[in-house]
Amino acid sequence: MVPNGVDLDFYRPGVTPPAPDLGPHSLVFTGKMDFRPNVDAVLWFVDEVLPLITSRLPDARFYVVGQSPHSRLAPLATTRPS
């Protein structure tokens, strides 16, 4: 039998810090960011959907979080919340 591989002491509620407050109108995309479907999804969302959201919610923010961002995403890194 293989024992459970999760450290139950470390992952019990209250041990890990709370998530940062990103604001009430925040959207987060997580994934491996050199995986082409993820890159395509983020770029499509930024071009097609995010403008519709920000037209109604100007303070909306979109965060892309993931390992190994592809160079196609580099232009998004310069866009920072004000």
PDB file of N, CA and C in Angstrom:
ATOM      1  N   MET A   1       0.840  -1.178   0.000  1.00  0.00           N
ATOM      2  CA  MET A   1       0.000   0.000   0.000  1.00  0.00           C
ATOM      3  C   MET A   1       0.892   1.250   0.000  1.00  0.00           C
ATOM      4  N   VAL A   2       0.484   2.244  -0.753  1.00  0.00           N
ATOM      5  CA  VAL A   2       1.206   3.505  -0.820  1.00  0.00           C
ATOM      6  C   VAL A   2       0.500   4.493   0.120  1.00  0.00           C
ATOM      7  N   PRO A   3       1.248   5.125   1.035  1.00  0.00           N
ATOM      8  CA  PRO A   3       0.607   6.081   1.942  1.00  0.00           C
ATOM      9  C   PRO A   3       0.176   7.342   1.196  1.00  0.00           C
ATOM     10  N   ASN A   4      -0.752   8.064   1.785  1.00  0.00           N
ATOM     11  CA  ASN A   4      -1.239   9.309   1.214  1.00  0.00           C
ATOM     12  C   ASN A   4      -0.060  10.268   1.025  1.00  0.00           C
ATOM     13  N   GLY A   5       0.004  10.945  -0.128  1.00  0.00           N
ATOM     14  CA  GLY A   5       1.103  11.845  -0.431  1.00  0.00           C
ATOM     15  C   GLY A   5       0.822  13.295  -0.085  1.00  0.00           C
ATOM     16  N   VAL A   6      -0.236  13.572   0.654  1.00  0.00           N
ATOM     17  CA  VAL A   6      -0.586  14.946   1.016  1.00  0.00           C
ATOM     18  C   VAL A   6      -0.181  15.207   2.460  1.00  0.00           C
ATOM     19  N   ASP A   7       0.499  16.307   2.690  1.00  0.00           N
ATOM     20  CA  ASP A   7       0.892  16.704   4.040  1.00  0.00           C
ATOM     21  C   ASP A   7      -0.318  17.364   4.700  1.00  0.00           C
ATOM     22  N   LEU A   8      -1.083  16.593   5.456  1.00  0.00           N
ATOM     23  CA  LEU A   8      -2.321  17.080   6.045  1.00  0.00           C
ATOM     24  C   LEU A   8      -2.096  18.165   7.081  1.00  0.00           C
ATOM     25  N   ASP A   9      -0.945  18.189   7.727  1.00  0.00           N
ATOM     26  CA  ASP A   9      -0.669  19.251   8.689  1.00  0.00           C
ATOM     27  C   ASP A   9      -0.464  20.590   7.977  1.00  0.00           C
ATOM     28  N   PHE A  10       0.225  20.560   6.844  1.00  0.00           N
ATOM     29  CA  PHE A  10       0.490  21.792   6.101  1.00  0.00           C
ATOM     30  C   PHE A  10      -0.775  22.341   5.438  1.00  0.00           C
ATOM     31  N   TYR A  11      -1.625  21.452   4.894  1.00  0.00           N
ATOM     32  CA  TYR A  11      -2.773  21.876   4.108  1.00  0.00           C
ATOM     33  C   TYR A  11      -4.080  21.975   4.894  1.00  0.00           C
ATOM     34  N   ARG A  12      -4.027  21.968   6.203  1.00  0.00           N
ATOM     35  CA  ARG A  12      -5.276  22.108   6.956  1.00  0.00           C
ATOM     36  C   ARG A  12      -5.727  23.573   6.894  1.00  0.00           C
ATOM     37  N   PRO A  13      -7.041  23.816   7.008  1.00  0.00           N
ATOM     38  CA  PRO A  13      -7.569  25.195   6.934  1.00  0.00           C
ATOM     39  C   PRO A  13      -6.899  26.101   7.955  1.00  0.00           C
ATOM     40  N   GLY A  14      -6.607  27.308   7.514  1.00  0.00           N
ATOM     41  CA  GLY A  14      -6.015  28.293   8.393  1.00  0.00           C
ATOM     42  C   GLY A  14      -4.498  28.312   8.388  1.00  0.00           C
ATOM     43  N   VAL A  15      -3.860  27.312   7.793  1.00  0.00           N
ATOM     44  CA  VAL A  15      -2.400  27.244   7.792  1.00  0.00           C
ATOM     45  C   VAL A  15      -1.835  28.049   6.627  1.00  0.00           C
ATOM     46  N   THR A  16      -2.457  27.963   5.472  1.00  0.00           N
ATOM     47  CA  THR A  16      -1.963  28.691   4.309  1.00  0.00           C
ATOM     48  C   THR A  16      -2.488  30.122   4.339  1.00  0.00           C
ATOM     49  N   PRO A  17      -1.743  31.071   3.838  1.00  0.00           N
ATOM     50  CA  PRO A  17      -2.199  32.464   3.873  1.00  0.00           C
ATOM     51  C   PRO A  17      -3.425  32.654   2.980  1.00  0.00           C
ATOM     52  N   PRO A  18      -4.245  33.626   3.294  1.00  0.00           N
ATOM     53  CA  PRO A  18      -5.419  33.883   2.447  1.00  0.00           C
ATOM     54  C   PRO A  18      -4.982  34.405   1.080  1.00  0.00           C
ATOM     55  N   ALA A  19      -5.834  34.223   0.115  1.00  0.00           N
ATOM     56  CA  ALA A  19      -5.556  34.727  -1.227  1.00  0.00           C
ATOM     57  C   ALA A  19      -5.541  36.254  -1.196  1.00  0.00           C
ATOM     58  N   PRO A  20      -4.745  36.867  -2.061  1.00  0.00           N
ATOM     59  CA  PRO A  20      -4.716  38.336  -2.090  1.00  0.00           C
ATOM     60  C   PRO A  20      -6.061  38.890  -2.545  1.00  0.00           C
ATOM     61  N   ASP A  21      -6.395  40.065  -2.085  1.00  0.00           N
ATOM     62  CA  ASP A  21      -7.618  40.733  -2.509  1.00  0.00           C
ATOM     63  C   ASP A  21      -7.335  41.418  -3.840  1.00  0.00           C
ATOM     64  N   LEU A  22      -7.850  40.859  -4.895  1.00  0.00           N
ATOM     65  CA  LEU A  22      -7.620  41.408  -6.231  1.00  0.00           C
ATOM     66  C   LEU A  22      -8.685  42.423  -6.630  1.00  0.00           C
ATOM     67  N   GLY A  23      -9.675  42.594  -5.806  1.00  0.00           N
ATOM     68  CA  GLY A  23     -10.752  43.521  -6.111  1.00  0.00           C
ATOM     69  C   GLY A  23     -12.016  42.777  -6.488  1.00  0.00           C
ATOM     70  N   PRO A  24     -13.140  43.475  -6.416  1.00  0.00           N
ATOM     71  CA  PRO A  24     -14.424  42.807  -6.633  1.00  0.00           C
ATOM     72  C   PRO A  24     -14.700  42.400  -8.078  1.00  0.00           C
ATOM     73  N   HIS A  25     -14.029  43.020  -9.029  1.00  0.00           N
ATOM     74  CA  HIS A  25     -14.290  42.723 -10.439  1.00  0.00           C
ATOM     75  C   HIS A  25     -13.047  42.149 -11.107  1.00  0.00           C
ATOM     76  N   SER A  26     -12.484  41.159 -10.466  1.00  0.00           N
ATOM     77  CA  SER A  26     -11.260  40.534 -10.985  1.00  0.00           C
ATOM     78  C   SER A  26     -11.566  39.179 -11.585  1.00  0.00           C
ATOM     79  N   LEU A  27     -10.903  38.901 -12.676  1.00  0.00           N
ATOM     80  CA  LEU A  27     -10.978  37.609 -13.346  1.00  0.00           C
ATOM     81  C   LEU A  27      -9.566  37.049 -13.396  1.00  0.00           C
ATOM     82  N   VAL A  28      -9.441  35.747 -13.146  1.00  0.00           N
ATOM     83  CA  VAL A  28      -8.120  35.116 -13.134  1.00  0.00           C
ATOM     84  C   VAL A  28      -8.150  33.907 -14.049  1.00  0.00           C
ATOM     85  N   PHE A  29      -7.194  33.848 -14.953  1.00  0.00           N
ATOM     86  CA  PHE A  29      -7.006  32.675 -15.808  1.00  0.00           C
ATOM     87  C   PHE A  29      -5.744  31.992 -15.327  1.00  0.00           C
ATOM     88  N   THR A  30      -5.848  30.720 -14.990  1.00  0.00           N
ATOM     89  CA  THR A  30      -4.665  29.974 -14.568  1.00  0.00           C
ATOM     90  C   THR A  30      -4.429  28.814 -15.514  1.00  0.00           C
ATOM     91  N   GLY A  31      -3.167  28.541 -15.770  1.00  0.00           N
ATOM     92  CA  GLY A  31      -2.821  27.423 -16.632  1.00  0.00           C
ATOM     93  C   GLY A  31      -1.365  27.503 -17.035  1.00  0.00           C
ATOM     94  N   LYS A  32      -0.911  26.480 -17.702  1.00  0.00           N
ATOM     95  CA  LYS A  32       0.455  26.468 -18.246  1.00  0.00           C
ATOM     96  C   LYS A  32       0.439  27.395 -19.443  1.00  0.00           C
ATOM     97  N   MET A  33       1.173  28.479 -19.366  1.00  0.00           N
ATOM     98  CA  MET A  33       1.018  29.538 -20.340  1.00  0.00           C
ATOM     99  C   MET A  33       1.907  29.426 -21.567  1.00  0.00           C
ATOM    100  N   ASP A  34       2.521  28.261 -21.767  1.00  0.00           N
ATOM    101  CA  ASP A  34       3.152  27.992 -23.054  1.00  0.00           C
ATOM    102  C   ASP A  34       2.388  26.887 -23.792  1.00  0.00           C
ATOM    103  N   PHE A  35       1.218  26.524 -23.270  1.00  0.00           N
ATOM    104  CA  PHE A  35       0.326  25.547 -23.906  1.00  0.00           C
ATOM    105  C   PHE A  35      -0.567  26.326 -24.870  1.00  0.00           C
ATOM    106  N   ARG A  36      -0.450  26.000 -26.162  1.00  0.00           N
ATOM    107  CA  ARG A  36      -1.090  26.817 -27.193  1.00  0.00           C
ATOM    108  C   ARG A  36      -2.578  27.080 -26.951  1.00  0.00           C
ATOM    109  N   PRO A  37      -3.390  26.093 -26.570  1.00  0.00           N
ATOM    110  CA  PRO A  37      -4.804  26.407 -26.319  1.00  0.00           C
ATOM    111  C   PRO A  37      -5.002  27.450 -25.214  1.00  0.00           C
ATOM    112  N   ASN A  38      -4.144  27.454 -24.209  1.00  0.00           N
ATOM    113  CA  ASN A  38      -4.255  28.466 -23.154  1.00  0.00           C
ATOM    114  C   ASN A  38      -3.869  29.840 -23.681  1.00  0.00           C
ATOM    115  N   VAL A  39      -2.813  29.902 -24.457  1.00  0.00           N
ATOM    116  CA  VAL A  39      -2.378  31.174 -25.051  1.00  0.00           C
ATOM    117  C   VAL A  39      -3.484  31.718 -25.960  1.00  0.00           C
ATOM    118  N   ASP A  40      -4.017  30.861 -26.820  1.00  0.00           N
ATOM    119  CA  ASP A  40      -5.089  31.287 -27.721  1.00  0.00           C
ATOM    120  C   ASP A  40      -6.312  31.763 -26.932  1.00  0.00           C
ATOM    121  N   ALA A  41      -6.647  31.055 -25.868  1.00  0.00           N
ATOM    122  CA  ALA A  41      -7.815  31.426 -25.058  1.00  0.00           C
ATOM    123  C   ALA A  41      -7.636  32.792 -24.417  1.00  0.00           C
ATOM    124  N   VAL A  42      -6.460  33.043 -23.858  1.00  0.00           N
ATOM    125  CA  VAL A  42      -6.208  34.333 -23.215  1.00  0.00           C
ATOM    126  C   VAL A  42      -6.258  35.456 -24.242  1.00  0.00           C
ATOM    127  N   LEU A  43      -5.613  35.270 -25.374  1.00  0.00           N
ATOM    128  CA  LEU A  43      -5.606  36.321 -26.397  1.00  0.00           C
ATOM    129  C   LEU A  43      -7.003  36.584 -26.943  1.00  0.00           C
ATOM    130  N   TRP A  44      -7.781  35.530 -27.161  1.00  0.00           N
ATOM    131  CA  TRP A  44      -9.164  35.691 -27.620  1.00  0.00           C
ATOM    132  C   TRP A  44      -9.979  36.448 -26.568  1.00  0.00           C
ATOM    133  N   PHE A  45      -9.842  36.057 -25.306  1.00  0.00           N
ATOM    134  CA  PHE A  45     -10.599  36.698 -24.234  1.00  0.00           C
ATOM    135  C   PHE A  45     -10.260  38.185 -24.145  1.00  0.00           C
ATOM    136  N   VAL A  46      -8.980  38.506 -24.214  1.00  0.00           N
ATOM    137  CA  VAL A  46      -8.551  39.908 -24.122  1.00  0.00           C
ATOM    138  C   VAL A  46      -9.086  40.724 -25.298  1.00  0.00           C
ATOM    139  N   ASP A  47      -9.097  40.147 -26.483  1.00  0.00           N
ATOM    140  CA  ASP A  47      -9.549  40.870 -27.670  1.00  0.00           C
ATOM    141  C   ASP A  47     -11.074  40.948 -27.792  1.00  0.00           C
ATOM    142  N   GLU A  48     -11.760  39.863 -27.468  1.00  0.00           N
ATOM    143  CA  GLU A  48     -13.187  39.763 -27.762  1.00  0.00           C
ATOM    144  C   GLU A  48     -14.116  39.982 -26.568  1.00  0.00           C
ATOM    145  N   VAL A  49     -13.721  39.560 -25.397  1.00  0.00           N
ATOM    146  CA  VAL A  49     -14.634  39.565 -24.250  1.00  0.00           C
ATOM    147  C   VAL A  49     -14.310  40.664 -23.247  1.00  0.00           C
ATOM    148  N   LEU A  50     -13.041  40.827 -22.924  1.00  0.00           N
ATOM    149  CA  LEU A  50     -12.663  41.812 -21.910  1.00  0.00           C
ATOM    150  C   LEU A  50     -13.150  43.231 -22.239  1.00  0.00           C
ATOM    151  N   PRO A  51     -13.092  43.666 -23.486  1.00  0.00           N
ATOM    152  CA  PRO A  51     -13.628  45.010 -23.779  1.00  0.00           C
ATOM    153  C   PRO A  51     -15.120  45.143 -23.450  1.00  0.00           C
ATOM    154  N   LEU A  52     -15.881  44.073 -23.642  1.00  0.00           N
ATOM    155  CA  LEU A  52     -17.302  44.116 -23.297  1.00  0.00           C
ATOM    156  C   LEU A  52     -17.490  44.244 -21.784  1.00  0.00           C
ATOM    157  N   ILE A  53     -16.656  43.560 -21.051  1.00  0.00           N
ATOM    158  CA  ILE A  53     -16.739  43.620 -19.589  1.00  0.00           C
ATOM    159  C   ILE A  53     -16.321  44.995 -19.090  1.00  0.00           C
ATOM    160  N   THR A  54     -15.188  45.486 -19.564  1.00  0.00           N
ATOM    161  CA  THR A  54     -14.694  46.770 -19.061  1.00  0.00           C
ATOM    162  C   THR A  54     -15.553  47.951 -19.518  1.00  0.00           C
ATOM    163  N   SER A  55     -16.344  47.777 -20.565  1.00  0.00           N
ATOM    164  CA  SER A  55     -17.258  48.858 -20.956  1.00  0.00           C
ATOM    165  C   SER A  55     -18.343  49.051 -19.897  1.00  0.00           C
ATOM    166  N   ARG A  56     -18.671  47.993 -19.181  1.00  0.00           N
ATOM    167  CA  ARG A  56     -19.668  48.079 -18.104  1.00  0.00           C
ATOM    168  C   ARG A  56     -19.042  48.197 -16.725  1.00  0.00           C
ATOM    169  N   LEU A  57     -17.871  47.620 -16.579  1.00  0.00           N
ATOM    170  CA  LEU A  57     -17.152  47.633 -15.297  1.00  0.00           C
ATOM    171  C   LEU A  57     -15.733  48.122 -15.537  1.00  0.00           C
ATOM    172  N   PRO A  58     -15.530  49.427 -15.600  1.00  0.00           N
ATOM    173  CA  PRO A  58     -14.203  49.966 -15.929  1.00  0.00           C
ATOM    174  C   PRO A  58     -13.094  49.530 -14.970  1.00  0.00           C
ATOM    175  N   ASP A  59     -13.455  49.149 -13.753  1.00  0.00           N
ATOM    176  CA  ASP A  59     -12.429  48.736 -12.805  1.00  0.00           C
ATOM    177  C   ASP A  59     -12.137  47.234 -12.865  1.00  0.00           C
ATOM    178  N   ALA A  60     -12.723  46.542 -13.832  1.00  0.00           N
ATOM    179  CA  ALA A  60     -12.461  45.106 -13.979  1.00  0.00           C
ATOM    180  C   ALA A  60     -11.000  44.877 -14.339  1.00  0.00           C
ATOM    181  N   ARG A  61     -10.442  43.824 -13.781  1.00  0.00           N
ATOM    182  CA  ARG A  61      -9.043  43.456 -14.043  1.00  0.00           C
ATOM    183  C   ARG A  61      -8.979  41.992 -14.438  1.00  0.00           C
ATOM    184  N   PHE A  62      -8.091  41.672 -15.367  1.00  0.00           N
ATOM    185  CA  PHE A  62      -7.894  40.302 -15.833  1.00  0.00           C
ATOM    186  C   PHE A  62      -6.457  39.921 -15.544  1.00  0.00           C
ATOM    187  N   TYR A  63      -6.290  38.881 -14.750  1.00  0.00           N
ATOM    188  CA  TYR A  63      -4.959  38.403 -14.373  1.00  0.00           C
ATOM    189  C   TYR A  63      -4.712  37.046 -15.026  1.00  0.00           C
ATOM    190  N   VAL A  64      -3.556  36.924 -15.650  1.00  0.00           N
ATOM    191  CA  VAL A  64      -3.137  35.656 -16.243  1.00  0.00           C
ATOM    192  C   VAL A  64      -2.007  35.119 -15.377  1.00  0.00           C
ATOM    193  N   VAL A  65      -2.231  33.940 -14.829  1.00  0.00           N
ATOM    194  CA  VAL A  65      -1.289  33.358 -13.884  1.00  0.00           C
ATOM    195  C   VAL A  65      -0.898  31.976 -14.400  1.00  0.00           C
ATOM    196  N   GLY A  66       0.403  31.767 -14.596  1.00  0.00           N
ATOM    197  CA  GLY A  66       0.815  30.454 -15.046  1.00  0.00           C
ATOM    198  C   GLY A  66       2.287  30.393 -15.371  1.00  0.00           C
ATOM    199  N   GLN A  67       2.740  29.197 -15.466  1.00  0.00           N
ATOM    200  CA  GLN A  67       4.156  28.906 -15.699  1.00  0.00           C
ATOM    201  C   GLN A  67       4.517  29.110 -17.165  1.00  0.00           C
ATOM    202  N   SER A  68       5.715  29.564 -17.402  1.00  0.00           N
ATOM    203  CA  SER A  68       6.319  29.650 -18.743  1.00  0.00           C
ATOM    204  C   SER A  68       5.470  30.428 -19.749  1.00  0.00           C
ATOM    205  N   PRO A  69       5.199  31.711 -19.501  1.00  0.00           N
ATOM    206  CA  PRO A  69       4.382  32.464 -20.456  1.00  0.00           C
ATOM    207  C   PRO A  69       5.035  32.526 -21.841  1.00  0.00           C
ATOM    208  N   HIS A  70       4.231  32.267 -22.845  1.00  0.00           N
ATOM    209  CA  HIS A  70       4.688  32.303 -24.235  1.00  0.00           C
ATOM    210  C   HIS A  70       4.941  33.754 -24.646  1.00  0.00           C
ATOM    211  N   SER A  71       5.828  33.948 -25.575  1.00  0.00           N
ATOM    212  CA  SER A  71       6.175  35.307 -26.020  1.00  0.00           C
ATOM    213  C   SER A  71       4.976  36.048 -26.620  1.00  0.00           C
ATOM    214  N   ARG A  72       3.985  35.311 -27.129  1.00  0.00           N
ATOM    215  CA  ARG A  72       2.785  35.964 -27.670  1.00  0.00           C
ATOM    216  C   ARG A  72       2.009  36.716 -26.589  1.00  0.00           C
ATOM    217  N   LEU A  73       2.255  36.380 -25.330  1.00  0.00           N
ATOM    218  CA  LEU A  73       1.563  37.045 -24.229  1.00  0.00           C
ATOM    219  C   LEU A  73       2.322  38.262 -23.706  1.00  0.00           C
ATOM    220  N   ALA A  74       3.525  38.465 -24.176  1.00  0.00           N
ATOM    221  CA  ALA A  74       4.365  39.553 -23.675  1.00  0.00           C
ATOM    222  C   ALA A  74       3.680  40.926 -23.740  1.00  0.00           C
ATOM    223  N   PRO A  75       2.966  41.264 -24.806  1.00  0.00           N
ATOM    224  CA  PRO A  75       2.310  42.578 -24.834  1.00  0.00           C
ATOM    225  C   PRO A  75       1.313  42.783 -23.685  1.00  0.00           C
ATOM    226  N   LEU A  76       0.755  41.724 -23.161  1.00  0.00           N
ATOM    227  CA  LEU A  76      -0.194  41.848 -22.052  1.00  0.00           C
ATOM    228  C   LEU A  76       0.512  42.207 -20.762  1.00  0.00           C
ATOM    229  N   ALA A  77       1.771  41.856 -20.637  1.00  0.00           N
ATOM    230  CA  ALA A  77       2.510  42.114 -19.393  1.00  0.00           C
ATOM    231  C   ALA A  77       2.723  43.594 -19.169  1.00  0.00           C
ATOM    232  N   THR A  78       2.663  44.395 -20.199  1.00  0.00           N
ATOM    233  CA  THR A  78       2.881  45.831 -20.042  1.00  0.00           C
ATOM    234  C   THR A  78       1.608  46.558 -19.632  1.00  0.00           C
ATOM    235  N   THR A  79       0.484  45.857 -19.690  1.00  0.00           N
ATOM    236  CA  THR A  79      -0.781  46.456 -19.294  1.00  0.00           C
ATOM    237  C   THR A  79      -0.971  46.230 -17.810  1.00  0.00           C
ATOM    238  N   ARG A  80      -0.893  47.290 -17.052  1.00  0.00           N
ATOM    239  CA  ARG A  80      -0.985  47.206 -15.586  1.00  0.00           C
ATOM    240  C   ARG A  80      -2.219  47.949 -15.112  1.00  0.00           C
ATOM    241  N   PRO A  81      -2.856  47.443 -14.036  1.00  0.00           N
ATOM    242  CA  PRO A  81      -3.974  48.189 -13.462  1.00  0.00           C
ATOM    243  C   PRO A  81      -3.531  49.560 -12.985  1.00  0.00           C
ATOM    244  N   SER A  82      -4.391  50.530 -13.103  1.00  0.00           N
ATOM    245  CA  SER A  82      -4.038  51.874 -12.641  1.00  0.00           C
ATOM    246  C   SER A  82      -4.444  52.089 -11.201  1.00  0.00           C
TER     247      SER A  82
END
